[in-house]
PDB file of N, CA and C in Angstrom:
ATOM      1  N   UNK A   1       0.848  -1.167   0.000  1.00  0.00           N
ATOM      2  CA  UNK A   1       0.000   0.000   0.000  1.00  0.00           C
ATOM      3  C   UNK A   1       0.898   1.236   0.000  1.00  0.00           C
ATOM      4  N   UNK A   2       0.515   2.192  -0.787  1.00  0.00           N
ATOM      5  CA  UNK A   2       1.219   3.472  -0.875  1.00  0.00           C
ATOM      6  C   UNK A   2       0.806   4.324   0.322  1.00  0.00           C
ATOM      7  N   UNK A   3       1.770   4.833   1.090  1.00  0.00           N
ATOM      8  CA  UNK A   3       1.440   5.574   2.299  1.00  0.00           C
ATOM      9  C   UNK A   3       1.734   7.072   2.207  1.00  0.00           C
ATOM     10  N   UNK A   4       2.829   7.428   1.561  1.00  0.00           N
ATOM     11  CA  UNK A   4       3.251   8.831   1.594  1.00  0.00           C
ATOM     12  C   UNK A   4       4.207   9.091   0.443  1.00  0.00           C
ATOM     13  N   UNK A   5       4.238  10.326  -0.035  1.00  0.00           N
ATOM     14  CA  UNK A   5       5.265  10.727  -0.991  1.00  0.00           C
ATOM     15  C   UNK A   5       5.474  12.231  -0.925  1.00  0.00           C
ATOM     16  N   UNK A   6       6.678  12.647  -1.271  1.00  0.00           N
ATOM     17  CA  UNK A   6       6.978  14.075  -1.311  1.00  0.00           C
ATOM     18  C   UNK A   6       8.008  14.329  -2.404  1.00  0.00           C
ATOM     19  N   UNK A   7       8.013  15.567  -2.894  1.00  0.00           N
ATOM     20  CA  UNK A   7       8.902  15.980  -3.967  1.00  0.00           C
ATOM     21  C   UNK A   7       9.532  17.305  -3.578  1.00  0.00           C
ATOM     22  N   UNK A   8      10.835  17.397  -3.742  1.00  0.00           N
ATOM     23  CA  UNK A   8      11.522  18.667  -3.520  1.00  0.00           C
ATOM     24  C   UNK A   8      12.282  18.985  -4.805  1.00  0.00           C
ATOM     25  N   UNK A   9      11.890  20.071  -5.460  1.00  0.00           N
ATOM     26  CA  UNK A   9      12.483  20.447  -6.738  1.00  0.00           C
ATOM     27  C   UNK A   9      13.575  21.487  -6.514  1.00  0.00           C
ATOM     28  N   UNK A  10      14.706  21.290  -7.175  1.00  0.00           N
ATOM     29  CA  UNK A  10      15.836  22.203  -7.038  1.00  0.00           C
ATOM     30  C   UNK A  10      16.081  23.008  -8.309  1.00  0.00           C
ATOM     31  N   UNK A  11      15.641  22.462  -9.444  1.00  0.00           N
ATOM     32  CA  UNK A  11      15.752  23.187 -10.709  1.00  0.00           C
ATOM     33  C   UNK A  11      14.757  22.586 -11.703  1.00  0.00           C
ATOM     34  N   UNK A  12      14.558  23.272 -12.809  1.00  0.00           N
ATOM     35  CA  UNK A  12      13.585  22.833 -13.806  1.00  0.00           C
ATOM     36  C   UNK A  12      14.246  21.864 -14.785  1.00  0.00           C
ATOM     37  N   UNK A  13      13.580  20.755 -15.045  1.00  0.00           N
ATOM     38  CA  UNK A  13      14.035  19.805 -16.053  1.00  0.00           C
ATOM     39  C   UNK A  13      13.493  20.252 -17.407  1.00  0.00           C
ATOM     40  N   UNK A  14      14.339  20.223 -18.410  1.00  0.00           N
ATOM     41  CA  UNK A  14      13.954  20.665 -19.739  1.00  0.00           C
ATOM     42  C   UNK A  14      13.670  19.458 -20.648  1.00  0.00           C
ATOM     43  N   UNK A  15      12.844  19.681 -21.645  1.00  0.00           N
ATOM     44  CA  UNK A  15      12.510  18.655 -22.632  1.00  0.00           C
ATOM     45  C   UNK A  15      13.786  18.113 -23.274  1.00  0.00           C
ATOM     46  N   UNK A  16      13.845  16.810 -23.466  1.00  0.00           N
ATOM     47  CA  UNK A  16      14.948  16.099 -24.102  1.00  0.00           C
ATOM     48  C   UNK A  16      16.217  16.035 -23.253  1.00  0.00           C
ATOM     49  N   UNK A  17      16.179  16.545 -22.027  1.00  0.00           N
ATOM     50  CA  UNK A  17      17.322  16.450 -21.133  1.00  0.00           C
ATOM     51  C   UNK A  17      17.423  15.015 -20.604  1.00  0.00           C
ATOM     52  N   UNK A  18      18.636  14.516 -20.439  1.00  0.00           N
ATOM     53  CA  UNK A  18      18.823  13.180 -19.883  1.00  0.00           C
ATOM     54  C   UNK A  18      19.003  13.310 -18.374  1.00  0.00           C
ATOM     55  N   UNK A  19      18.092  12.664 -17.632  1.00  0.00           N
ATOM     56  CA  UNK A  19      18.130  12.698 -16.179  1.00  0.00           C
ATOM     57  C   UNK A  19      18.350  11.287 -15.648  1.00  0.00           C
ATOM     58  N   UNK A  20      18.976  11.205 -14.479  1.00  0.00           N
ATOM     59  CA  UNK A  20      19.205   9.922 -13.829  1.00  0.00           C
ATOM     60  C   UNK A  20      18.579   9.960 -12.449  1.00  0.00           C
ATOM     61  N   UNK A  21      17.827   8.915 -12.140  1.00  0.00           N
ATOM     62  CA  UNK A  21      17.223   8.779 -10.815  1.00  0.00           C
ATOM     63  C   UNK A  21      17.954   7.659 -10.082  1.00  0.00           C
ATOM     64  N   UNK A  22      18.429   7.961  -8.871  1.00  0.00           N
ATOM     65  CA  UNK A  22      19.149   6.975  -8.066  1.00  0.00           C
ATOM     66  C   UNK A  22      18.349   6.716  -6.791  1.00  0.00           C
ATOM     67  N   UNK A  23      17.648   5.571  -6.730  1.00  0.00           N
ATOM     68  CA  UNK A  23      16.839   5.264  -5.548  1.00  0.00           C
ATOM     69  C   UNK A  23      17.663   4.554  -4.468  1.00  0.00           C
ATOM     70  N   UNK A  24      17.350   4.867  -3.211  1.00  0.00           N
ATOM     71  CA  UNK A  24      18.001   4.237  -2.063  1.00  0.00           C
ATOM     72  C   UNK A  24      16.942   4.000  -0.985  1.00  0.00           C
ATOM     73  N   UNK A  25      16.933   2.801  -0.412  1.00  0.00           N
ATOM     74  CA  UNK A  25      16.075   2.544   0.746  1.00  0.00           C
ATOM     75  C   UNK A  25      16.735   3.243   1.927  1.00  0.00           C
ATOM     76  N   UNK A  26      16.039   4.230   2.506  1.00  0.00           N
ATOM     77  CA  UNK A  26      16.643   5.048   3.560  1.00  0.00           C
ATOM     78  C   UNK A  26      16.152   4.707   4.957  1.00  0.00           C
ATOM     79  N   UNK A  27      15.061   3.931   5.053  1.00  0.00           N
ATOM     80  CA  UNK A  27      14.565   3.557   6.384  1.00  0.00           C
ATOM     81  C   UNK A  27      13.597   2.387   6.252  1.00  0.00           C
ATOM     82  N   UNK A  28      13.630   1.511   7.231  1.00  0.00           N
ATOM     83  CA  UNK A  28      12.660   0.419   7.344  1.00  0.00           C
ATOM     84  C   UNK A  28      12.282   0.351   8.812  1.00  0.00           C
ATOM     85  N   UNK A  29      10.976   0.388   9.094  1.00  0.00           N
ATOM     86  CA  UNK A  29      10.526   0.326  10.484  1.00  0.00           C
ATOM     87  C   UNK A  29       9.164  -0.347  10.551  1.00  0.00           C
ATOM     88  N   UNK A  30       8.783  -0.767  11.753  1.00  0.00           N
ATOM     89  CA  UNK A  30       7.500  -1.441  11.945  1.00  0.00           C
ATOM     90  C   UNK A  30       6.644  -0.672  12.944  1.00  0.00           C
ATOM     91  N   UNK A  31       5.341  -0.937  12.861  1.00  0.00           N
ATOM     92  CA  UNK A  31       4.366  -0.388  13.802  1.00  0.00           C
ATOM     93  C   UNK A  31       3.332  -1.463  14.100  1.00  0.00           C
ATOM     94  N   UNK A  32       2.518  -1.214  15.098  1.00  0.00           N
ATOM     95  CA  UNK A  32       1.451  -2.139  15.499  1.00  0.00           C
ATOM     96  C   UNK A  32       2.005  -3.533  15.774  1.00  0.00           C
ATOM     97  N   UNK A  33       3.011  -3.576  16.670  1.00  0.00           N
ATOM     98  CA  UNK A  33       3.636  -4.847  17.090  1.00  0.00           C
ATOM     99  C   UNK A  33       4.171  -5.655  15.916  1.00  0.00           C
ATOM    100  N   UNK A  34       4.706  -5.001  14.902  1.00  0.00           N
ATOM    101  CA  UNK A  34       5.302  -5.682  13.761  1.00  0.00           C
ATOM    102  C   UNK A  34       4.324  -6.066  12.675  1.00  0.00           C
ATOM    103  N   UNK A  35       3.046  -5.770  12.849  1.00  0.00           N
ATOM    104  CA  UNK A  35       2.043  -6.118  11.838  1.00  0.00           C
ATOM    105  C   UNK A  35       2.222  -5.301  10.565  1.00  0.00           C
ATOM    106  N   UNK A  36       2.645  -4.041  10.703  1.00  0.00           N
ATOM    107  CA  UNK A  36       2.867  -3.170   9.550  1.00  0.00           C
ATOM    108  C   UNK A  36       4.349  -2.852   9.421  1.00  0.00           C
ATOM    109  N   UNK A  37       4.874  -3.059   8.225  1.00  0.00           N
ATOM    110  CA  UNK A  37       6.270  -2.724   7.948  1.00  0.00           C
ATOM    111  C   UNK A  37       6.287  -1.565   6.963  1.00  0.00           C
ATOM    112  N   UNK A  38       7.045  -0.527   7.281  1.00  0.00           N
ATOM    113  CA  UNK A  38       7.149   0.671   6.459  1.00  0.00           C
ATOM    114  C   UNK A  38       8.518   0.706   5.797  1.00  0.00           C
ATOM    115  N   UNK A  39       8.539   0.978   4.490  1.00  0.00           N
ATOM    116  CA  UNK A  39       9.786   1.062   3.737  1.00  0.00           C
ATOM    117  C   UNK A  39       9.841   2.449   3.086  1.00  0.00           C
ATOM    118  N   UNK A  40      10.863   3.204   3.451  1.00  0.00           N
ATOM    119  CA  UNK A  40      11.030   4.561   2.924  1.00  0.00           C
ATOM    120  C   UNK A  40      12.132   4.551   1.867  1.00  0.00           C
ATOM    121  N   UNK A  41      11.810   5.076   0.683  1.00  0.00           N
ATOM    122  CA  UNK A  41      12.761   5.138  -0.425  1.00  0.00           C
ATOM    123  C   UNK A  41      12.952   6.598  -0.826  1.00  0.00           C
ATOM    124  N   UNK A  42      14.205   6.996  -0.959  1.00  0.00           N
ATOM    125  CA  UNK A  42      14.529   8.339  -1.417  1.00  0.00           C
ATOM    126  C   UNK A  42      15.271   8.220  -2.747  1.00  0.00           C
ATOM    127  N   UNK A  43      14.842   8.995  -3.730  1.00  0.00           N
ATOM    128  CA  UNK A  43      15.495   9.006  -5.041  1.00  0.00           C
ATOM    129  C   UNK A  43      16.042  10.401  -5.303  1.00  0.00           C
ATOM    130  N   UNK A  44      17.273  10.446  -5.762  1.00  0.00           N
ATOM    131  CA  UNK A  44      17.904  11.707  -6.144  1.00  0.00           C
ATOM    132  C   UNK A  44      17.940  11.747  -7.670  1.00  0.00           C
ATOM    133  N   UNK A  45      17.431  12.832  -8.239  1.00  0.00           N
ATOM    134  CA  UNK A  45      17.399  13.001  -9.697  1.00  0.00           C
ATOM    135  C   UNK A  45      18.446  14.047 -10.072  1.00  0.00           C
ATOM    136  N   UNK A  46      19.345  13.644 -10.993  1.00  0.00           N
ATOM    137  CA  UNK A  46      20.428  14.533 -11.404  1.00  0.00           C
ATOM    138  C   UNK A  46      20.522  14.611 -12.926  1.00  0.00           C
ATOM    139  N   UNK A  47      21.194  15.659 -13.398  1.00  0.00           N
ATOM    140  CA  UNK A  47      21.519  15.798 -14.814  1.00  0.00           C
ATOM    141  C   UNK A  47      22.788  14.991 -15.106  1.00  0.00           C
ATOM    142  N   UNK A  48      23.149  14.946 -16.371  1.00  0.00           N
ATOM    143  CA  UNK A  48      24.346  14.196 -16.786  1.00  0.00           C
ATOM    144  C   UNK A  48      25.614  14.661 -16.070  1.00  0.00           C
ATOM    145  N   UNK A  49      25.714  15.923 -15.769  1.00  0.00           N
ATOM    146  CA  UNK A  49      26.914  16.467 -15.095  1.00  0.00           C
ATOM    147  C   UNK A  49      26.824  16.378 -13.573  1.00  0.00           C
ATOM    148  N   UNK A  50      25.765  15.731 -13.063  1.00  0.00           N
ATOM    149  CA  UNK A  50      25.626  15.547 -11.624  1.00  0.00           C
ATOM    150  C   UNK A  50      24.869  16.644 -10.899  1.00  0.00           C
ATOM    151  N   UNK A  51      24.344  17.623 -11.618  1.00  0.00           N
ATOM    152  CA  UNK A  51      23.598  18.717 -10.984  1.00  0.00           C
ATOM    153  C   UNK A  51      22.271  18.193 -10.445  1.00  0.00           C
ATOM    154  N   UNK A  52      21.945  18.558  -9.232  1.00  0.00           N
ATOM    155  CA  UNK A  52      20.724  18.101  -8.579  1.00  0.00           C
ATOM    156  C   UNK A  52      19.486  18.756  -9.190  1.00  0.00           C
ATOM    157  N   UNK A  53      18.501  17.935  -9.559  1.00  0.00           N
ATOM    158  CA  UNK A  53      17.242  18.426 -10.118  1.00  0.00           C
ATOM    159  C   UNK A  53      16.116  18.278  -9.097  1.00  0.00           C
ATOM    160  N   UNK A  54      16.050  17.111  -8.444  1.00  0.00           N
ATOM    161  CA  UNK A  54      14.954  16.875  -7.495  1.00  0.00           C
ATOM    162  C   UNK A  54      15.307  15.752  -6.529  1.00  0.00           C
ATOM    163  N   UNK A  55      14.597  15.751  -5.403  1.00  0.00           N
ATOM    164  CA  UNK A  55      14.673  14.664  -4.434  1.00  0.00           C
ATOM    165  C   UNK A  55      13.250  14.164  -4.210  1.00  0.00           C
ATOM    166  N   UNK A  56      13.059  12.875  -4.386  1.00  0.00           N
ATOM    167  CA  UNK A  56      11.742  12.268  -4.274  1.00  0.00           C
ATOM    168  C   UNK A  56      11.756  11.283  -3.111  1.00  0.00           C
ATOM    169  N   UNK A  57      10.719  11.315  -2.299  1.00  0.00           N
ATOM    170  CA  UNK A  57      10.631  10.397  -1.168  1.00  0.00           C
ATOM    171  C   UNK A  57       9.272   9.720  -1.190  1.00  0.00           C
ATOM    172  N   UNK A  58       9.281   8.418  -0.951  1.00  0.00           N
ATOM    173  CA  UNK A  58       8.027   7.662  -0.900  1.00  0.00           C
ATOM    174  C   UNK A  58       8.085   6.609   0.194  1.00  0.00           C
ATOM    175  N   UNK A  59       6.937   6.322   0.762  1.00  0.00           N
ATOM    176  CA  UNK A  59       6.826   5.290   1.795  1.00  0.00           C
ATOM    177  C   UNK A  59       5.745   4.309   1.362  1.00  0.00           C
ATOM    178  N   UNK A  60       6.075   3.017   1.427  1.00  0.00           N
ATOM    179  CA  UNK A  60       5.073   1.986   1.187  1.00  0.00           C
ATOM    180  C   UNK A  60       4.904   1.182   2.472  1.00  0.00           C
ATOM    181  N   UNK A  61       3.743   0.594   2.625  1.00  0.00           N
ATOM    182  CA  UNK A  61       3.425  -0.184   3.822  1.00  0.00           C
ATOM    183  C   UNK A  61       3.109  -1.615   3.404  1.00  0.00           C
ATOM    184  N   UNK A  62       3.719  -2.540   4.099  1.00  0.00           N
ATOM    185  CA  UNK A  62       3.431  -3.954   3.897  1.00  0.00           C
ATOM    186  C   UNK A  62       2.751  -4.483   5.152  1.00  0.00           C
ATOM    187  N   UNK A  63       1.670  -5.212   4.965  1.00  0.00           N
ATOM    188  CA  UNK A  63       0.979  -5.806   6.115  1.00  0.00           C
ATOM    189  C   UNK A  63       1.425  -7.249   6.251  1.00  0.00           C
ATOM    190  N   UNK A  64       1.903  -7.578   7.415  1.00  0.00           N
ATOM    191  CA  UNK A  64       2.364  -8.938   7.690  1.00  0.00           C
ATOM    192  C   UNK A  64       1.154  -9.829   7.925  1.00  0.00           C
ATOM    193  N   UNK A  65       1.099 -10.939   7.193  1.00  0.00           N
ATOM    194  CA  UNK A  65       0.011 -11.880   7.320  1.00  0.00           C
ATOM    195  C   UNK A  65       0.539 -13.115   8.047  1.00  0.00           C
ATOM    196  N   UNK A  66      -0.121 -13.479   9.120  1.00  0.00           N
ATOM    197  CA  UNK A  66       0.289 -14.657   9.884  1.00  0.00           C
ATOM    198  C   UNK A  66       0.009 -15.920   9.107  1.00  0.00           C
ATOM    199  N   UNK A  67       0.930 -16.863   9.158  1.00  0.00           N
ATOM    200  CA  UNK A  67       0.749 -18.172   8.524  1.00  0.00           C
ATOM    201  C   UNK A  67      -0.173 -19.008   9.409  1.00  0.00           C
ATOM    202  N   UNK A  68      -1.323 -19.391   8.878  1.00  0.00           N
ATOM    203  CA  UNK A  68      -2.322 -20.111   9.669  1.00  0.00           C
ATOM    204  C   UNK A  68      -2.255 -21.604   9.479  1.00  0.00           C
ATOM    205  N   UNK A  69      -1.170 -22.127   8.906  1.00  0.00           N
ATOM    206  CA  UNK A  69      -1.083 -23.583   8.684  1.00  0.00           C
ATOM    207  C   UNK A  69      -0.576 -24.315   9.900  1.00  0.00           C
TER     208      UNK A  69
END
């Protein structure tokens, strides 16, 4: 499940520009006695010369299902 996202823009991306997005898992934590696991991913978007264009952050939630066998 998608829980949260944010965008921080540092400069304008132009048409036909080549951009690179580098995603990194920046945090993993649980809530509700481990039933919910949260995974936070941050992506840095740069131009070919390494100039920062944007930082994107998203959190997804995984629900742990107990094995009933």
